[in-house]
PDB file of all heavy atoms in Angstrom:
ATOM      1  N   VAL A   1      97.832  75.724 147.604  1.00  0.00           N
ATOM      2  CA  VAL A   1      96.407  75.967 147.852  1.00  0.00           C
ATOM      3  C   VAL A   1      95.747  76.316 146.524  1.00  0.00           C
ATOM      4  O   VAL A   1      96.168  77.259 145.853  1.00  0.00           O
ATOM      5  CB  VAL A   1      96.212  77.126 148.853  1.00  0.00           C
ATOM      6  CG1 VAL A   1      94.716  77.356 149.113  1.00  0.00           C
ATOM      7  CG2 VAL A   1      96.952  76.859 150.157  1.00  0.00           C
ATOM      8  N   ASN A   2      94.737  75.550 146.132  1.00  0.00           N
ATOM      9  CA  ASN A   2      94.042  75.894 144.886  1.00  0.00           C
ATOM     10  C   ASN A   2      92.541  75.837 145.064  1.00  0.00           C
ATOM     11  O   ASN A   2      92.033  75.413 146.114  1.00  0.00           O
ATOM     12  CB  ASN A   2      94.502  75.011 143.714  1.00  0.00           C
ATOM     13  CG  ASN A   2      94.096  73.554 143.852  1.00  0.00           C
ATOM     14  OD1 ASN A   2      93.398  73.165 144.791  1.00  0.00           O
ATOM     15  ND2 ASN A   2      94.544  72.726 142.923  1.00  0.00           N
ATOM     16  N   SER A   3      91.830  76.304 144.044  1.00  0.00           N
ATOM     17  CA  SER A   3      90.365  76.283 144.063  1.00  0.00           C
ATOM     18  C   SER A   3      89.848  75.689 142.758  1.00  0.00           C
ATOM     19  O   SER A   3      90.032  76.276 141.685  1.00  0.00           O
ATOM     20  CB  SER A   3      89.795  77.687 144.248  1.00  0.00           C
ATOM     21  OG  SER A   3      88.388  77.667 144.101  1.00  0.00           O
ATOM     22  N   THR A   4      89.184  74.539 142.857  1.00  0.00           N
ATOM     23  CA  THR A   4      88.590  73.900 141.688  1.00  0.00           C
ATOM     24  C   THR A   4      87.423  74.722 141.153  1.00  0.00           C
ATOM     25  O   THR A   4      87.062  74.608 139.973  1.00  0.00           O
ATOM     26  CB  THR A   4      88.146  72.469 142.048  1.00  0.00           C
ATOM     27  OG1 THR A   4      89.259  71.758 142.617  1.00  0.00           O
ATOM     28  CG2 THR A   4      87.661  71.703 140.835  1.00  0.00           C
ATOM     29  N   LYS A   5      86.862  75.592 141.988  1.00  0.00           N
ATOM     30  CA  LYS A   5      85.763  76.458 141.541  1.00  0.00           C
ATOM     31  C   LYS A   5      86.197  77.422 140.441  1.00  0.00           C
ATOM     32  O   LYS A   5      85.352  77.977 139.734  1.00  0.00           O
ATOM     33  CB  LYS A   5      85.189  77.215 142.727  1.00  0.00           C
ATOM     34  CG  LYS A   5      84.487  76.323 143.756  1.00  0.00           C
ATOM     35  CD  LYS A   5      83.955  77.139 144.927  1.00  0.00           C
ATOM     36  CE  LYS A   5      83.252  76.257 145.946  1.00  0.00           C
ATOM     37  NZ  LYS A   5      84.196  75.404 146.710  1.00  0.00           N
ATOM     38  N   SER A   6      87.492  77.645 140.298  1.00  0.00           N
ATOM     39  CA  SER A   6      87.967  78.500 139.205  1.00  0.00           C
ATOM     40  C   SER A   6      87.690  77.869 137.846  1.00  0.00           C
ATOM     41  O   SER A   6      87.618  78.566 136.831  1.00  0.00           O
ATOM     42  CB  SER A   6      89.467  78.766 139.359  1.00  0.00           C
ATOM     43  OG  SER A   6      90.229  77.571 139.222  1.00  0.00           O
ATOM     44  N   LEU A   7      87.502  76.544 137.829  1.00  0.00           N
ATOM     45  CA  LEU A   7      87.262  75.808 136.582  1.00  0.00           C
ATOM     46  C   LEU A   7      85.792  75.475 136.363  1.00  0.00           C
ATOM     47  O   LEU A   7      85.307  75.528 135.228  1.00  0.00           O
ATOM     48  CB  LEU A   7      88.064  74.503 136.583  1.00  0.00           C
ATOM     49  CG  LEU A   7      89.580  74.630 136.671  1.00  0.00           C
ATOM     50  CD1 LEU A   7      90.202  73.266 136.958  1.00  0.00           C
ATOM     51  CD2 LEU A   7      90.145  75.204 135.381  1.00  0.00           C
ATOM     52  N   ILE A   8      85.094  75.135 137.438  1.00  0.00           N
ATOM     53  CA  ILE A   8      83.723  74.604 137.289  1.00  0.00           C
ATOM     54  C   ILE A   8      82.681  75.407 138.053  1.00  0.00           C
ATOM     55  O   ILE A   8      81.528  74.985 138.148  1.00  0.00           O
ATOM     56  CB  ILE A   8      83.649  73.121 137.722  1.00  0.00           C
ATOM     57  CG1 ILE A   8      84.073  72.950 139.183  1.00  0.00           C
ATOM     58  CG2 ILE A   8      84.491  72.255 136.803  1.00  0.00           C
ATOM     59  CD1 ILE A   8      83.845  71.547 139.730  1.00  0.00           C
ATOM     60  N   GLY A   9      83.070  76.572 138.573  1.00  0.00           N
ATOM     61  CA  GLY A   9      82.117  77.327 139.356  1.00  0.00           C
ATOM     62  C   GLY A   9      81.835  76.644 140.683  1.00  0.00           C
ATOM     63  O   GLY A   9      82.528  75.708 141.090  1.00  0.00           O
ATOM     64  N   HIS A  10      80.810  77.113 141.349  1.00  0.00           N
ATOM     65  CA  HIS A  10      80.452  76.641 142.683  1.00  0.00           C
ATOM     66  C   HIS A  10      79.244  75.718 142.578  1.00  0.00           C
ATOM     67  O   HIS A  10      78.130  76.166 142.305  1.00  0.00           O
ATOM     68  CB  HIS A  10      80.144  77.836 143.571  1.00  0.00           C
ATOM     69  CG  HIS A  10      80.009  77.519 145.018  1.00  0.00           C
ATOM     70  ND1 HIS A  10      79.937  76.229 145.506  1.00  0.00           N
ATOM     71  CD2 HIS A  10      79.929  78.332 146.116  1.00  0.00           C
ATOM     72  CE1 HIS A  10      79.822  76.255 146.806  1.00  0.00           C
ATOM     73  NE2 HIS A  10      79.812  77.519 147.212  1.00  0.00           N
ATOM     74  N   LEU A  11      79.466  74.430 142.811  1.00  0.00           N
ATOM     75  CA  LEU A  11      78.406  73.434 142.693  1.00  0.00           C
ATOM     76  C   LEU A  11      77.552  73.326 143.958  1.00  0.00           C
ATOM     77  O   LEU A  11      76.804  72.357 144.128  1.00  0.00           O
ATOM     78  CB  LEU A  11      78.994  72.064 142.336  1.00  0.00           C
ATOM     79  CG  LEU A  11      79.211  71.775 140.838  1.00  0.00           C
ATOM     80  CD1 LEU A  11      80.176  72.770 140.223  1.00  0.00           C
ATOM     81  CD2 LEU A  11      79.732  70.350 140.628  1.00  0.00           C
ATOM     82  N   LEU A  12      77.670  74.299 144.854  1.00  0.00           N
ATOM     83  CA  LEU A  12      76.866  74.353 146.075  1.00  0.00           C
ATOM     84  C   LEU A  12      76.943  73.028 146.838  1.00  0.00           C
ATOM     85  O   LEU A  12      78.000  72.657 147.323  1.00  0.00           O
ATOM     86  CB  LEU A  12      75.429  74.762 145.752  1.00  0.00           C
ATOM     87  CG  LEU A  12      75.266  76.079 144.986  1.00  0.00           C
ATOM     88  CD1 LEU A  12      73.772  76.412 144.817  1.00  0.00           C
ATOM     89  CD2 LEU A  12      75.999  77.225 145.632  1.00  0.00           C
ATOM     90  N   GLY A  13      75.836  72.295 146.934  1.00  0.00           N
ATOM     91  CA  GLY A  13      75.847  71.059 147.702  1.00  0.00           C
ATOM     92  C   GLY A  13      76.741  69.975 147.149  1.00  0.00           C
ATOM     93  O   GLY A  13      77.090  69.028 147.860  1.00  0.00           O
ATOM     94  N   ALA A  14      77.131  70.081 145.897  1.00  0.00           N
ATOM     95  CA  ALA A  14      78.027  69.091 145.289  1.00  0.00           C
ATOM     96  C   ALA A  14      79.481  69.526 145.316  1.00  0.00           C
ATOM     97  O   ALA A  14      80.374  68.731 144.985  1.00  0.00           O
ATOM     98  CB  ALA A  14      77.598  68.820 143.842  1.00  0.00           C
ATOM     99  N   ALA A  15      79.745  70.772 145.706  1.00  0.00           N
ATOM    100  CA  ALA A  15      81.097  71.323 145.599  1.00  0.00           C
ATOM    101  C   ALA A  15      82.118  70.509 146.393  1.00  0.00           C
ATOM    102  O   ALA A  15      83.171  70.131 145.875  1.00  0.00           O
ATOM    103  CB  ALA A  15      81.106  72.780 146.064  1.00  0.00           C
ATOM    104  N   GLY A  16      81.827  70.257 147.659  1.00  0.00           N
ATOM    105  CA  GLY A  16      82.776  69.533 148.491  1.00  0.00           C
ATOM    106  C   GLY A  16      83.052  68.133 147.996  1.00  0.00           C
ATOM    107  O   GLY A  16      84.158  67.607 148.149  1.00  0.00           O
ATOM    108  N   ALA A  17      82.053  67.516 147.372  1.00  0.00           N
ATOM    109  CA  ALA A  17      82.225  66.151 146.879  1.00  0.00           C
ATOM    110  C   ALA A  17      83.158  66.101 145.676  1.00  0.00           C
ATOM    111  O   ALA A  17      84.057  65.254 145.600  1.00  0.00           O
ATOM    112  CB  ALA A  17      80.873  65.542 146.529  1.00  0.00           C
ATOM    113  N   ILE A  18      82.962  67.015 144.708  1.00  0.00           N
ATOM    114  CA  ILE A  18      83.847  67.004 143.542  1.00  0.00           C
ATOM    115  C   ILE A  18      85.245  67.461 143.937  1.00  0.00           C
ATOM    116  O   ILE A  18      86.253  67.020 143.350  1.00  0.00           O
ATOM    117  CB  ILE A  18      83.266  67.851 142.390  1.00  0.00           C
ATOM    118  CG1 ILE A  18      83.986  67.565 141.074  1.00  0.00           C
ATOM    119  CG2 ILE A  18      83.313  69.327 142.702  1.00  0.00           C
ATOM    120  CD1 ILE A  18      83.889  66.136 140.580  1.00  0.00           C
ATOM    121  N   GLU A  19      85.349  68.310 144.938  1.00  0.00           N
ATOM    122  CA  GLU A  19      86.670  68.734 145.404  1.00  0.00           C
ATOM    123  C   GLU A  19      87.375  67.616 146.159  1.00  0.00           C
ATOM    124  O   GLU A  19      88.613  67.506 146.122  1.00  0.00           O
ATOM    125  CB  GLU A  19      86.514  70.006 146.226  1.00  0.00           C
ATOM    126  CG  GLU A  19      86.152  71.208 145.349  1.00  0.00           C
ATOM    127  CD  GLU A  19      85.439  72.345 146.044  1.00  0.00           C
ATOM    128  OE1 GLU A  19      85.430  72.371 147.288  1.00  0.00           O
ATOM    129  OE2 GLU A  19      84.878  73.211 145.331  1.00  0.00           O
ATOM    130  N   PHE A  20      86.613  66.759 146.831  1.00  0.00           N
ATOM    131  CA  PHE A  20      87.201  65.563 147.440  1.00  0.00           C
ATOM    132  C   PHE A  20      87.742  64.629 146.364  1.00  0.00           C
ATOM    133  O   PHE A  20      88.849  64.103 146.477  1.00  0.00           O
ATOM    134  CB  PHE A  20      86.155  64.839 148.294  1.00  0.00           C
ATOM    135  CG  PHE A  20      86.629  63.546 148.890  1.00  0.00           C
ATOM    136  CD1 PHE A  20      87.345  63.526 150.072  1.00  0.00           C
ATOM    137  CD2 PHE A  20      86.372  62.325 148.255  1.00  0.00           C
ATOM    138  CE1 PHE A  20      87.795  62.328 150.626  1.00  0.00           C
ATOM    139  CE2 PHE A  20      86.810  61.130 148.785  1.00  0.00           C
ATOM    140  CZ  PHE A  20      87.531  61.131 149.984  1.00  0.00           C
ATOM    141  N   VAL A  21      86.951  64.421 145.304  1.00  0.00           N
ATOM    142  CA  VAL A  21      87.432  63.609 144.174  1.00  0.00           C
ATOM    143  C   VAL A  21      88.711  64.219 143.601  1.00  0.00           C
ATOM    144  O   VAL A  21      89.661  63.502 143.258  1.00  0.00           O
ATOM    145  CB  VAL A  21      86.339  63.506 143.088  1.00  0.00           C
ATOM    146  CG1 VAL A  21      86.904  62.921 141.793  1.00  0.00           C
ATOM    147  CG2 VAL A  21      85.174  62.650 143.579  1.00  0.00           C
ATOM    148  N   THR A  22      88.758  65.538 143.507  1.00  0.00           N
ATOM    149  CA  THR A  22      89.958  66.217 143.012  1.00  0.00           C
ATOM    150  C   THR A  22      91.162  65.910 143.897  1.00  0.00           C
ATOM    151  O   THR A  22      92.275  65.675 143.391  1.00  0.00           O
ATOM    152  CB  THR A  22      89.722  67.736 142.945  1.00  0.00           C
ATOM    153  OG1 THR A  22      88.620  67.997 142.061  1.00  0.00           O
ATOM    154  CG2 THR A  22      90.947  68.475 142.433  1.00  0.00           C
ATOM    155  N   CYS A  23      90.969  65.885 145.204  1.00  0.00           N
ATOM    156  CA  CYS A  23      92.060  65.538 146.119  1.00  0.00           C
ATOM    157  C   CYS A  23      92.555  64.111 145.881  1.00  0.00           C
ATOM    158  O   CYS A  23      93.763  63.849 145.874  1.00  0.00           O
ATOM    159  CB  CYS A  23      91.611  65.701 147.564  1.00  0.00           C
ATOM    160  SG  CYS A  23      91.457  67.411 148.119  1.00  0.00           S
ATOM    161  N   VAL A  24      91.615  63.195 145.703  1.00  0.00           N
ATOM    162  CA  VAL A  24      92.003  61.797 145.452  1.00  0.00           C
ATOM    163  C   VAL A  24      92.803  61.694 144.156  1.00  0.00           C
ATOM    164  O   VAL A  24      93.851  61.028 144.096  1.00  0.00           O
ATOM    165  CB  VAL A  24      90.757  60.887 145.400  1.00  0.00           C
ATOM    166  CG1 VAL A  24      91.145  59.477 144.969  1.00  0.00           C
ATOM    167  CG2 VAL A  24      90.060  60.858 146.762  1.00  0.00           C
ATOM    168  N   LYS A  25      92.332  62.348 143.106  1.00  0.00           N
ATOM    169  CA  LYS A  25      93.041  62.310 141.825  1.00  0.00           C
ATOM    170  C   LYS A  25      94.400  63.001 141.923  1.00  0.00           C
ATOM    171  O   LYS A  25      95.372  62.583 141.284  1.00  0.00           O
ATOM    172  CB  LYS A  25      92.190  62.947 140.727  1.00  0.00           C
ATOM    173  CG  LYS A  25      90.890  62.213 140.413  1.00  0.00           C
ATOM    174  CD  LYS A  25      91.126  60.786 139.950  1.00  0.00           C
ATOM    175  CE  LYS A  25      91.769  60.703 138.595  1.00  0.00           C
ATOM    176  NZ  LYS A  25      91.913  59.309 138.117  1.00  0.00           N
ATOM    177  N   THR A  26      94.482  64.059 142.706  1.00  0.00           N
ATOM    178  CA  THR A  26      95.755  64.748 142.912  1.00  0.00           C
ATOM    179  C   THR A  26      96.772  63.803 143.543  1.00  0.00           C
ATOM    180  O   THR A  26      97.937  63.746 143.119  1.00  0.00           O
ATOM    181  CB  THR A  26      95.546  65.977 143.820  1.00  0.00           C
ATOM    182  OG1 THR A  26      94.713  66.913 143.140  1.00  0.00           O
ATOM    183  CG2 THR A  26      96.867  66.650 144.170  1.00  0.00           C
ATOM    184  N   ILE A  27      96.344  63.057 144.555  1.00  0.00           N
ATOM    185  CA  ILE A  27      97.227  62.100 145.215  1.00  0.00           C
ATOM    186  C   ILE A  27      97.620  60.980 144.257  1.00  0.00           C
ATOM    187  O   ILE A  27      98.786  60.562 144.199  1.00  0.00           O
ATOM    188  CB  ILE A  27      96.540  61.533 146.477  1.00  0.00           C
ATOM    189  CG1 ILE A  27      96.465  62.628 147.550  1.00  0.00           C
ATOM    190  CG2 ILE A  27      97.263  60.301 147.003  1.00  0.00           C
ATOM    191  CD1 ILE A  27      95.591  62.272 148.732  1.00  0.00           C
ATOM    192  N   GLN A  28      96.653  60.502 143.484  1.00  0.00           N
ATOM    193  CA  GLN A  28      96.924  59.425 142.526  1.00  0.00           C
ATOM    194  C   GLN A  28      97.934  59.823 141.458  1.00  0.00           C
ATOM    195  O   GLN A  28      98.883  59.094 141.168  1.00  0.00           O
ATOM    196  CB  GLN A  28      95.619  59.023 141.826  1.00  0.00           C
ATOM    197  CG  GLN A  28      94.790  57.983 142.527  1.00  0.00           C
ATOM    198  CD  GLN A  28      93.722  57.494 141.565  1.00  0.00           C
ATOM    199  OE1 GLN A  28      92.905  58.258 141.076  1.00  0.00           O
ATOM    200  NE2 GLN A  28      93.747  56.208 141.286  1.00  0.00           N
ATOM    201  N   ASP A  29      97.697  60.977 140.858  1.00  0.00           N
ATOM    202  CA  ASP A  29      98.479  61.388 139.682  1.00  0.00           C
ATOM    203  C   ASP A  29      99.637  62.316 140.009  1.00  0.00           C
ATOM    204  O   ASP A  29     100.391  62.698 139.110  1.00  0.00           O
ATOM    205  CB  ASP A  29      97.560  62.101 138.673  1.00  0.00           C
ATOM    206  CG  ASP A  29      96.687  61.137 137.904  1.00  0.00           C
ATOM    207  OD1 ASP A  29      96.663  59.945 138.273  1.00  0.00           O
ATOM    208  OD2 ASP A  29      96.014  61.571 136.954  1.00  0.00           O
TER     209      ASP A  29
END
């Protein structure tokens, strides 16, 4: 369990979207 907000803060309405991208990249790499 991790939090991308530890690196980029809380992007409010964009937070879930960049965290979804993070999930995709996690699966890829």
